[in-house]
Amino acid sequence: MRKNFGVKTWLYPMPVFIVAAYDENGVPNAMNAAWGGVYTDDMICVCLSEGHKTTKNILASRAFTVSMATADKVVECDYVGIVSGNKEPDKFAKAGFTATKSEFVNAPIIDQLPMTVECELVSYDEETCHMVGRIVNVSADERILTADGKIDVSLLNPITYDPIGHHYLPLGTPAGHAFADGKKMK
């Protein structure tokens, strides 16, 4: 027997992306976004509402980065998801993040997150909040590479979001509690 839940956004795995962009003064901002993924061979799509500071920054700069959230940075990654850059201008720094400017797009690479997809903005639909970015480059810290130069997912240790239990899961093991762990940094 099955139980019906109606329309829900319960799809696994749900990646935890940390989306980052510069504001008009070159100050980085980042947010946690779980609704996104591959769109075409060289594009990704993320669902970001218009009111987010990061969304406003991307629309102005026409570029952004998407980093994989990792188990060792779950508190910091949750924090940038529960605190608004519109209300906390130093959110990026308070999360303990530092940035290096991408060589390929006008957007920050978060130094503490070892894998980043660097994108130029293709489109944004205000009605659906769908943002499409063309992948210009993928960069990875050497510490997560195998001897033959490939990304080792076990060294990356990315987390996924469980929308039912509100947990972050690295390879099936809870890493933290969404909308809660980041409060430790408030």
N, C-alpha and C. Protein backbone atom coordinates (compact mmCIF):
# COMPACT_ATOMS: atom_id res chain seq x y z
N MET A 1 0.84 -1.18 0.00
CA MET A 1 0.00 0.00 0.00
C MET A 1 0.89 1.24 0.00
N ARG A 2 0.44 2.30 -0.64
CA ARG A 2 1.18 3.54 -0.74
C ARG A 2 0.39 4.67 -0.10
N LYS A 3 1.10 5.67 0.37
CA LYS A 3 0.48 6.87 0.91
C LYS A 3 0.73 8.00 -0.08
N ASN A 4 -0.28 8.76 -0.42
CA ASN A 4 -0.15 9.89 -1.33
C ASN A 4 0.13 11.16 -0.55
N PHE A 5 1.07 11.96 -1.04
CA PHE A 5 1.45 13.21 -0.39
C PHE A 5 1.08 14.44 -1.21
N GLY A 6 0.61 14.26 -2.42
CA GLY A 6 0.29 15.41 -3.26
C GLY A 6 1.54 15.98 -3.90
N VAL A 7 1.45 17.20 -4.34
CA VAL A 7 2.56 17.84 -5.04
C VAL A 7 3.62 18.26 -4.02
N LYS A 8 4.80 17.67 -4.13
CA LYS A 8 5.94 17.99 -3.26
C LYS A 8 7.20 18.04 -4.12
N THR A 9 8.19 18.75 -3.66
CA THR A 9 9.48 18.80 -4.35
C THR A 9 10.44 17.79 -3.73
N TRP A 10 10.00 16.58 -3.63
CA TRP A 10 10.79 15.52 -3.01
C TRP A 10 11.44 14.69 -4.11
N LEU A 11 12.66 15.02 -4.42
CA LEU A 11 13.41 14.34 -5.45
C LEU A 11 14.82 14.12 -4.94
N TYR A 12 15.33 12.92 -5.11
CA TYR A 12 16.68 12.62 -4.60
C TYR A 12 17.60 12.23 -5.74
N PRO A 13 18.88 12.53 -5.68
CA PRO A 13 19.46 13.43 -4.68
C PRO A 13 19.19 14.89 -5.05
N MET A 14 19.09 15.71 -4.05
CA MET A 14 18.90 17.15 -4.25
C MET A 14 20.22 17.81 -3.84
N PRO A 15 20.99 18.29 -4.83
CA PRO A 15 22.30 18.87 -4.49
C PRO A 15 22.17 20.12 -3.64
N VAL A 16 23.20 20.40 -2.89
CA VAL A 16 23.27 21.65 -2.13
C VAL A 16 24.31 22.51 -2.82
N PHE A 17 23.82 23.53 -3.51
CA PHE A 17 24.69 24.45 -4.23
C PHE A 17 24.87 25.72 -3.41
N ILE A 18 26.08 26.23 -3.41
CA ILE A 18 26.34 27.54 -2.84
C ILE A 18 26.62 28.46 -4.03
N VAL A 19 25.67 29.34 -4.30
CA VAL A 19 25.72 30.23 -5.45
C VAL A 19 26.32 31.55 -4.99
N ALA A 20 27.30 32.04 -5.74
CA ALA A 20 28.00 33.27 -5.33
C ALA A 20 28.13 34.25 -6.49
N ALA A 21 28.12 35.52 -6.14
CA ALA A 21 28.29 36.60 -7.13
C ALA A 21 28.82 37.84 -6.41
N TYR A 22 29.40 38.73 -7.18
CA TYR A 22 29.85 40.01 -6.65
C TYR A 22 28.74 41.05 -6.74
N ASP A 23 28.72 41.97 -5.75
CA ASP A 23 27.81 43.11 -5.87
C ASP A 23 28.48 44.21 -6.69
N GLU A 24 27.84 45.35 -6.79
CA GLU A 24 28.35 46.45 -7.61
C GLU A 24 29.68 47.00 -7.11
N ASN A 25 30.04 46.72 -5.85
CA ASN A 25 31.30 47.18 -5.28
C ASN A 25 32.36 46.08 -5.24
N GLY A 26 32.07 44.94 -5.85
CA GLY A 26 33.02 43.84 -5.87
C GLY A 26 33.04 43.02 -4.59
N VAL A 27 32.01 43.16 -3.76
CA VAL A 27 31.92 42.41 -2.51
C VAL A 27 31.18 41.10 -2.79
N PRO A 28 31.76 39.96 -2.40
CA PRO A 28 31.09 38.68 -2.68
C PRO A 28 29.92 38.43 -1.74
N ASN A 29 28.92 37.76 -2.26
CA ASN A 29 27.79 37.28 -1.48
C ASN A 29 27.50 35.86 -1.95
N ALA A 30 26.92 35.06 -1.06
CA ALA A 30 26.61 33.68 -1.42
C ALA A 30 25.31 33.26 -0.76
N MET A 31 24.66 32.29 -1.38
CA MET A 31 23.44 31.73 -0.81
C MET A 31 23.40 30.23 -1.08
N ASN A 32 22.64 29.54 -0.27
CA ASN A 32 22.43 28.10 -0.37
C ASN A 32 21.21 27.88 -1.26
N ALA A 33 21.35 27.02 -2.27
CA ALA A 33 20.24 26.72 -3.17
C ALA A 33 20.22 25.23 -3.48
N ALA A 34 19.08 24.59 -3.23
CA ALA A 34 18.98 23.15 -3.46
C ALA A 34 18.19 22.82 -4.72
N TRP A 35 17.51 23.77 -5.30
CA TRP A 35 16.72 23.50 -6.49
C TRP A 35 17.53 23.86 -7.72
N GLY A 36 18.22 22.89 -8.27
CA GLY A 36 19.01 23.14 -9.46
C GLY A 36 19.67 21.89 -9.96
N GLY A 37 20.25 22.02 -11.13
CA GLY A 37 20.95 20.89 -11.71
C GLY A 37 21.34 21.15 -13.14
N VAL A 38 21.72 20.09 -13.83
CA VAL A 38 22.13 20.15 -15.22
C VAL A 38 20.92 20.53 -16.06
N TYR A 39 21.12 21.45 -17.00
CA TYR A 39 20.04 21.92 -17.87
C TYR A 39 20.25 21.40 -19.30
N THR A 40 21.45 21.61 -19.83
CA THR A 40 21.87 21.04 -21.11
C THR A 40 23.34 20.66 -20.96
N ASP A 41 23.96 20.28 -22.06
CA ASP A 41 25.36 19.83 -22.00
C ASP A 41 26.31 20.85 -21.39
N ASP A 42 26.05 22.13 -21.62
CA ASP A 42 26.96 23.15 -21.09
C ASP A 42 26.24 24.20 -20.25
N MET A 43 25.08 23.83 -19.72
CA MET A 43 24.32 24.80 -18.92
C MET A 43 23.75 24.15 -17.66
N ILE A 44 23.61 25.00 -16.65
CA ILE A 44 22.92 24.58 -15.43
C ILE A 44 21.74 25.52 -15.20
N CYS A 45 20.81 25.05 -14.40
CA CYS A 45 19.65 25.87 -14.04
C CYS A 45 19.50 25.82 -12.53
N VAL A 46 19.28 26.96 -11.93
CA VAL A 46 18.98 27.04 -10.50
C VAL A 46 17.74 27.89 -10.33
N CYS A 47 16.98 27.59 -9.32
CA CYS A 47 15.76 28.33 -9.04
C CYS A 47 16.06 29.30 -7.90
N LEU A 48 16.13 30.59 -8.24
CA LEU A 48 16.46 31.63 -7.27
C LEU A 48 15.44 32.74 -7.36
N SER A 49 14.78 33.04 -6.25
CA SER A 49 13.78 34.10 -6.29
C SER A 49 14.45 35.46 -6.44
N GLU A 50 13.70 36.37 -7.02
CA GLU A 50 14.19 37.69 -7.38
C GLU A 50 14.64 38.52 -6.18
N GLY A 51 14.08 38.28 -5.00
CA GLY A 51 14.39 39.10 -3.83
C GLY A 51 15.73 38.83 -3.18
N HIS A 52 16.38 37.74 -3.53
CA HIS A 52 17.68 37.43 -2.92
C HIS A 52 18.75 38.42 -3.37
N LYS A 53 19.62 38.80 -2.46
CA LYS A 53 20.75 39.68 -2.78
C LYS A 53 21.62 39.04 -3.85
N THR A 54 21.85 37.74 -3.75
CA THR A 54 22.68 37.05 -4.73
C THR A 54 22.04 37.12 -6.11
N THR A 55 20.74 36.95 -6.20
CA THR A 55 20.05 37.04 -7.49
C THR A 55 20.23 38.43 -8.08
N LYS A 56 20.04 39.45 -7.27
CA LYS A 56 20.23 40.83 -7.75
C LYS A 56 21.66 41.03 -8.26
N ASN A 57 22.63 40.49 -7.53
CA ASN A 57 24.03 40.61 -7.94
C ASN A 57 24.29 39.92 -9.27
N ILE A 58 23.72 38.73 -9.44
CA ILE A 58 23.92 37.99 -10.69
C ILE A 58 23.29 38.74 -11.86
N LEU A 59 22.11 39.27 -11.67
CA LEU A 59 21.45 40.00 -12.74
C LEU A 59 22.25 41.24 -13.14
N ALA A 60 22.92 41.86 -12.17
CA ALA A 60 23.73 43.04 -12.46
C ALA A 60 25.08 42.67 -13.09
N SER A 61 25.72 41.63 -12.58
CA SER A 61 27.07 41.27 -13.05
C SER A 61 27.07 40.31 -14.23
N ARG A 62 25.95 39.59 -14.44
CA ARG A 62 25.79 38.63 -15.53
C ARG A 62 26.70 37.41 -15.38
N ALA A 63 27.15 37.13 -14.14
CA ALA A 63 28.02 35.98 -13.89
C ALA A 63 27.80 35.47 -12.48
N PHE A 64 28.12 34.17 -12.28
CA PHE A 64 28.00 33.57 -10.95
C PHE A 64 28.80 32.28 -10.90
N THR A 65 29.03 31.82 -9.69
CA THR A 65 29.66 30.53 -9.48
C THR A 65 28.73 29.65 -8.66
N VAL A 66 28.88 28.36 -8.85
CA VAL A 66 28.11 27.38 -8.09
C VAL A 66 29.12 26.40 -7.51
N SER A 67 29.21 26.37 -6.19
CA SER A 67 30.12 25.44 -5.51
C SER A 67 29.30 24.34 -4.86
N MET A 68 29.87 23.17 -4.80
CA MET A 68 29.24 22.06 -4.10
C MET A 68 29.46 22.26 -2.60
N ALA A 69 28.39 22.26 -1.84
CA ALA A 69 28.51 22.31 -0.38
C ALA A 69 29.11 20.99 0.08
N THR A 70 29.92 21.04 1.12
CA THR A 70 30.61 19.84 1.60
C THR A 70 30.30 19.58 3.07
N ALA A 71 30.45 18.33 3.48
CA ALA A 71 30.12 17.93 4.85
C ALA A 71 30.94 18.68 5.89
N ASP A 72 32.19 18.97 5.59
CA ASP A 72 33.02 19.67 6.57
C ASP A 72 32.67 21.15 6.71
N LYS A 73 31.85 21.67 5.80
CA LYS A 73 31.45 23.09 5.84
C LYS A 73 29.93 23.23 5.94
N VAL A 74 29.27 22.22 6.53
CA VAL A 74 27.81 22.22 6.58
C VAL A 74 27.25 23.41 7.37
N VAL A 75 27.88 23.79 8.46
CA VAL A 75 27.38 24.92 9.26
C VAL A 75 27.47 26.21 8.46
N GLU A 76 28.61 26.44 7.83
CA GLU A 76 28.80 27.64 7.04
C GLU A 76 27.84 27.68 5.84
N CYS A 77 27.67 26.54 5.19
CA CYS A 77 26.79 26.46 4.02
C CYS A 77 25.32 26.65 4.42
N ASP A 78 24.93 26.13 5.56
CA ASP A 78 23.56 26.34 6.03
C ASP A 78 23.37 27.81 6.42
N TYR A 79 24.37 28.38 7.05
CA TYR A 79 24.30 29.79 7.47
C TYR A 79 24.00 30.71 6.30
N VAL A 80 24.70 30.53 5.16
CA VAL A 80 24.46 31.43 4.03
C VAL A 80 23.10 31.17 3.39
N GLY A 81 22.43 30.10 3.80
CA GLY A 81 21.09 29.83 3.32
C GLY A 81 19.99 30.38 4.21
N ILE A 82 20.30 30.61 5.46
CA ILE A 82 19.25 31.08 6.38
C ILE A 82 19.40 32.55 6.76
N VAL A 83 20.49 33.18 6.34
CA VAL A 83 20.71 34.60 6.62
C VAL A 83 20.68 35.34 5.29
N SER A 84 19.92 36.41 5.22
CA SER A 84 19.79 37.19 3.99
C SER A 84 20.91 38.20 3.82
N GLY A 85 21.49 38.23 2.63
CA GLY A 85 22.48 39.24 2.31
C GLY A 85 21.88 40.64 2.24
N ASN A 86 20.57 40.72 2.11
CA ASN A 86 19.89 42.02 2.13
C ASN A 86 19.90 42.61 3.54
N LYS A 87 19.95 41.74 4.54
CA LYS A 87 19.93 42.20 5.94
C LYS A 87 21.30 42.14 6.61
N GLU A 88 22.16 41.27 6.14
CA GLU A 88 23.49 41.09 6.72
C GLU A 88 24.54 41.26 5.62
N PRO A 89 25.05 42.49 5.45
CA PRO A 89 26.00 42.75 4.37
C PRO A 89 27.32 41.99 4.49
N ASP A 90 27.70 41.57 5.69
CA ASP A 90 28.95 40.84 5.90
C ASP A 90 28.73 39.33 6.02
N LYS A 91 27.62 38.85 5.46
CA LYS A 91 27.26 37.43 5.57
C LYS A 91 28.37 36.51 5.06
N PHE A 92 28.97 36.83 3.94
CA PHE A 92 30.02 36.00 3.34
C PHE A 92 31.20 35.85 4.30
N ALA A 93 31.67 36.97 4.83
CA ALA A 93 32.79 36.95 5.77
C ALA A 93 32.42 36.30 7.09
N LYS A 94 31.20 36.55 7.58
CA LYS A 94 30.75 35.94 8.84
C LYS A 94 30.66 34.42 8.72
N ALA A 95 30.43 33.92 7.51
CA ALA A 95 30.42 32.48 7.30
C ALA A 95 31.84 31.91 7.32
N GLY A 96 32.83 32.79 7.34
CA GLY A 96 34.22 32.34 7.32
C GLY A 96 34.73 32.08 5.92
N PHE A 97 34.01 32.58 4.91
CA PHE A 97 34.41 32.38 3.53
C PHE A 97 35.34 33.49 3.06
N THR A 98 36.28 33.11 2.22
CA THR A 98 37.11 34.06 1.48
C THR A 98 36.96 33.71 0.01
N ALA A 99 37.29 34.66 -0.85
CA ALA A 99 37.07 34.44 -2.27
C ALA A 99 38.30 34.77 -3.10
N THR A 100 38.39 34.06 -4.21
CA THR A 100 39.35 34.35 -5.26
C THR A 100 38.53 34.61 -6.51
N LYS A 101 38.86 35.67 -7.23
CA LYS A 101 38.10 35.99 -8.45
C LYS A 101 38.37 34.92 -9.51
N SER A 102 37.30 34.45 -10.12
CA SER A 102 37.42 33.49 -11.21
C SER A 102 38.26 34.08 -12.34
N GLU A 103 39.03 33.25 -13.01
CA GLU A 103 39.79 33.67 -14.18
C GLU A 103 38.89 33.76 -15.41
N PHE A 104 37.68 33.20 -15.33
CA PHE A 104 36.84 33.04 -16.51
C PHE A 104 35.58 33.90 -16.52
N VAL A 105 35.04 34.22 -15.34
CA VAL A 105 33.83 35.04 -15.24
C VAL A 105 34.02 36.03 -14.09
N ASN A 106 33.22 37.08 -14.07
CA ASN A 106 33.31 38.08 -13.01
C ASN A 106 32.50 37.62 -11.80
N ALA A 107 33.03 36.60 -11.12
CA ALA A 107 32.34 36.03 -9.96
C ALA A 107 33.36 35.42 -9.02
N PRO A 108 33.01 35.31 -7.74
CA PRO A 108 33.94 34.78 -6.74
C PRO A 108 33.94 33.25 -6.68
N ILE A 109 35.13 32.71 -6.50
CA ILE A 109 35.28 31.29 -6.17
C ILE A 109 35.48 31.25 -4.66
N ILE A 110 34.67 30.47 -3.97
CA ILE A 110 34.78 30.36 -2.52
C ILE A 110 35.95 29.43 -2.21
N ASP A 111 36.98 29.97 -1.57
CA ASP A 111 38.20 29.22 -1.32
C ASP A 111 37.98 27.98 -0.46
N GLN A 112 37.03 28.01 0.44
CA GLN A 112 36.82 26.91 1.38
C GLN A 112 36.02 25.76 0.78
N LEU A 113 35.43 25.94 -0.39
CA LEU A 113 34.66 24.88 -1.05
C LEU A 113 35.45 24.41 -2.27
N PRO A 114 35.85 23.14 -2.31
CA PRO A 114 36.86 22.69 -3.26
C PRO A 114 36.43 22.48 -4.71
N MET A 115 35.15 22.55 -5.03
CA MET A 115 34.72 22.38 -6.43
C MET A 115 33.76 23.49 -6.81
N THR A 116 34.02 24.12 -7.95
CA THR A 116 33.20 25.26 -8.38
C THR A 116 32.92 25.19 -9.87
N VAL A 117 31.67 25.47 -10.21
CA VAL A 117 31.25 25.61 -11.61
C VAL A 117 31.12 27.12 -11.85
N GLU A 118 31.85 27.62 -12.84
CA GLU A 118 31.89 29.05 -13.13
C GLU A 118 31.00 29.32 -14.34
N CYS A 119 30.05 30.25 -14.18
CA CYS A 119 28.99 30.43 -15.19
C CYS A 119 28.80 31.88 -15.60
N GLU A 120 28.38 32.04 -16.85
CA GLU A 120 27.89 33.34 -17.30
C GLU A 120 26.37 33.22 -17.42
N LEU A 121 25.68 34.27 -17.04
CA LEU A 121 24.22 34.26 -17.07
C LEU A 121 23.71 34.20 -18.50
N VAL A 122 22.80 33.27 -18.76
CA VAL A 122 22.15 33.15 -20.06
C VAL A 122 20.76 33.77 -19.99
N SER A 123 19.99 33.40 -18.95
CA SER A 123 18.64 33.93 -18.85
C SER A 123 18.13 33.83 -17.42
N TYR A 124 17.13 34.65 -17.15
CA TYR A 124 16.43 34.60 -15.87
C TYR A 124 14.97 34.89 -16.12
N ASP A 125 14.09 34.02 -15.64
CA ASP A 125 12.66 34.18 -15.80
C ASP A 125 12.08 34.59 -14.45
N GLU A 126 11.63 35.83 -14.34
CA GLU A 126 11.10 36.35 -13.07
C GLU A 126 9.88 35.59 -12.60
N GLU A 127 9.08 35.08 -13.53
CA GLU A 127 7.86 34.36 -13.16
C GLU A 127 8.16 33.00 -12.53
N THR A 128 9.09 32.26 -13.12
CA THR A 128 9.40 30.91 -12.61
C THR A 128 10.62 30.90 -11.70
N CYS A 129 11.39 31.98 -11.68
CA CYS A 129 12.64 32.10 -10.92
C CYS A 129 13.75 31.19 -11.46
N HIS A 130 13.59 30.71 -12.69
CA HIS A 130 14.61 29.85 -13.29
C HIS A 130 15.75 30.69 -13.84
N MET A 131 16.94 30.41 -13.35
CA MET A 131 18.14 31.08 -13.82
C MET A 131 18.99 30.06 -14.55
N VAL A 132 19.37 30.39 -15.77
CA VAL A 132 20.18 29.49 -16.58
C VAL A 132 21.56 30.11 -16.74
N GLY A 133 22.57 29.31 -16.49
CA GLY A 133 23.94 29.76 -16.65
C GLY A 133 24.72 28.83 -17.57
N ARG A 134 25.52 29.43 -18.45
CA ARG A 134 26.41 28.65 -19.32
C ARG A 134 27.68 28.33 -18.54
N ILE A 135 28.04 27.08 -18.50
CA ILE A 135 29.26 26.66 -17.80
C ILE A 135 30.46 27.09 -18.64
N VAL A 136 31.30 27.92 -18.05
CA VAL A 136 32.49 28.41 -18.72
C VAL A 136 33.71 27.61 -18.25
N ASN A 137 33.67 27.15 -17.00
CA ASN A 137 34.79 26.39 -16.45
C ASN A 137 34.33 25.66 -15.20
N VAL A 138 34.97 24.55 -14.91
CA VAL A 138 34.83 23.85 -13.63
C VAL A 138 36.22 23.82 -13.03
N SER A 139 36.35 24.26 -11.79
CA SER A 139 37.66 24.23 -11.13
C SER A 139 37.56 23.42 -9.84
N ALA A 140 38.66 22.80 -9.49
CA ALA A 140 38.71 21.98 -8.27
C ALA A 140 40.05 22.13 -7.59
N ASP A 141 40.01 22.18 -6.28
CA ASP A 141 41.22 22.22 -5.47
C ASP A 141 41.96 20.90 -5.65
N GLU A 142 43.26 20.96 -5.77
CA GLU A 142 44.06 19.75 -5.98
C GLU A 142 43.91 18.72 -4.87
N ARG A 143 43.51 19.15 -3.69
CA ARG A 143 43.38 18.21 -2.56
C ARG A 143 42.25 17.21 -2.75
N ILE A 144 41.33 17.45 -3.71
CA ILE A 144 40.24 16.49 -3.95
C ILE A 144 40.44 15.69 -5.24
N LEU A 145 41.64 15.79 -5.81
CA LEU A 145 41.92 15.09 -7.06
C LEU A 145 42.61 13.75 -6.81
N THR A 146 42.33 12.82 -7.70
CA THR A 146 42.99 11.52 -7.67
C THR A 146 44.39 11.68 -8.27
N ALA A 147 45.18 10.62 -8.20
CA ALA A 147 46.54 10.66 -8.75
C ALA A 147 46.52 10.96 -10.26
N ASP A 148 45.45 10.57 -10.94
CA ASP A 148 45.37 10.84 -12.39
C ASP A 148 44.63 12.14 -12.70
N GLY A 149 44.41 12.99 -11.68
CA GLY A 149 43.88 14.33 -11.90
C GLY A 149 42.38 14.47 -12.01
N LYS A 150 41.61 13.46 -11.60
CA LYS A 150 40.15 13.55 -11.63
C LYS A 150 39.61 13.90 -10.25
N ILE A 151 38.41 14.47 -10.21
CA ILE A 151 37.78 14.79 -8.94
C ILE A 151 37.34 13.50 -8.26
N ASP A 152 37.74 13.33 -7.01
CA ASP A 152 37.36 12.16 -6.21
C ASP A 152 36.21 12.58 -5.32
N VAL A 153 35.01 12.05 -5.60
CA VAL A 153 33.82 12.46 -4.85
C VAL A 153 33.96 12.16 -3.36
N SER A 154 34.70 11.12 -2.99
CA SER A 154 34.87 10.83 -1.56
C SER A 154 35.75 11.87 -0.88
N LEU A 155 36.66 12.47 -1.62
CA LEU A 155 37.48 13.56 -1.07
C LEU A 155 36.71 14.88 -1.10
N LEU A 156 35.87 15.06 -2.11
CA LEU A 156 35.01 16.24 -2.17
C LEU A 156 34.00 16.20 -1.04
N ASN A 157 33.40 15.05 -0.81
CA ASN A 157 32.40 14.81 0.24
C ASN A 157 31.24 15.80 0.16
N PRO A 158 30.58 15.86 -1.03
CA PRO A 158 29.46 16.78 -1.16
C PRO A 158 28.26 16.32 -0.35
N ILE A 159 27.40 17.28 -0.05
CA ILE A 159 26.19 16.94 0.69
C ILE A 159 24.98 17.13 -0.22
N THR A 160 23.93 16.40 0.10
CA THR A 160 22.65 16.58 -0.56
C THR A 160 21.64 17.01 0.49
N TYR A 161 20.52 17.53 0.02
CA TYR A 161 19.48 18.02 0.92
C TYR A 161 18.32 17.04 0.94
N ASP A 162 17.87 16.68 2.12
CA ASP A 162 16.70 15.83 2.32
C ASP A 162 15.53 16.76 2.63
N PRO A 163 14.62 17.02 1.66
CA PRO A 163 13.53 17.96 1.88
C PRO A 163 12.44 17.46 2.83
N ILE A 164 12.44 16.18 3.13
CA ILE A 164 11.44 15.64 4.04
C ILE A 164 11.90 15.76 5.49
N GLY A 165 13.10 15.31 5.78
CA GLY A 165 13.63 15.36 7.15
C GLY A 165 14.44 16.60 7.46
N HIS A 166 14.69 17.44 6.45
CA HIS A 166 15.50 18.65 6.61
C HIS A 166 16.89 18.34 7.15
N HIS A 167 17.54 17.33 6.54
CA HIS A 167 18.92 16.99 6.86
C HIS A 167 19.79 17.24 5.64
N TYR A 168 21.07 17.39 5.89
CA TYR A 168 22.07 17.35 4.83
C TYR A 168 22.70 15.97 4.91
N LEU A 169 22.82 15.30 3.76
CA LEU A 169 23.30 13.92 3.73
C LEU A 169 24.54 13.77 2.85
N PRO A 170 25.67 13.39 3.45
CA PRO A 170 26.82 13.03 2.61
C PRO A 170 26.81 11.51 2.44
N LEU A 171 26.66 11.07 1.25
CA LEU A 171 26.65 9.63 0.96
C LEU A 171 25.72 8.86 1.88
N GLY A 172 24.56 9.45 2.20
CA GLY A 172 23.54 8.77 2.97
C GLY A 172 23.59 8.93 4.47
N THR A 173 24.57 9.64 5.01
CA THR A 173 24.68 9.84 6.44
C THR A 173 24.39 11.30 6.77
N PRO A 174 23.50 11.58 7.73
CA PRO A 174 23.21 12.99 8.04
C PRO A 174 24.46 13.75 8.49
N ALA A 175 24.62 14.94 7.92
CA ALA A 175 25.74 15.80 8.27
C ALA A 175 25.31 16.96 9.14
N GLY A 176 24.03 17.25 9.15
CA GLY A 176 23.54 18.38 9.92
C GLY A 176 22.06 18.56 9.70
N HIS A 177 21.54 19.60 10.30
CA HIS A 177 20.11 19.90 10.21
C HIS A 177 19.91 21.22 9.47
N ALA A 178 19.17 21.13 8.35
CA ALA A 178 18.91 22.32 7.55
C ALA A 178 18.08 23.33 8.34
N PHE A 179 18.35 24.59 8.12
CA PHE A 179 17.66 25.71 8.74
C PHE A 179 17.89 25.76 10.27
N ALA A 180 18.88 25.01 10.75
CA ALA A 180 19.13 25.00 12.19
C ALA A 180 20.61 25.15 12.51
N ASP A 181 21.46 24.34 11.89
CA ASP A 181 22.88 24.35 12.25
C ASP A 181 23.54 25.72 12.05
N GLY A 182 23.16 26.42 11.02
CA GLY A 182 23.73 27.73 10.75
C GLY A 182 23.39 28.77 11.81
N LYS A 183 22.37 28.51 12.61
CA LYS A 183 21.99 29.46 13.65
C LYS A 183 23.09 29.60 14.70
N LYS A 184 23.98 28.61 14.77
CA LYS A 184 25.10 28.67 15.71
C LYS A 184 25.99 29.88 15.39
N MET A 185 25.94 30.34 14.15
CA MET A 185 26.80 31.45 13.74
C MET A 185 26.12 32.81 13.86
N LYS A 186 24.84 32.81 14.22
CA LYS A 186 24.13 34.10 14.35
C LYS A 186 24.61 34.86 15.55
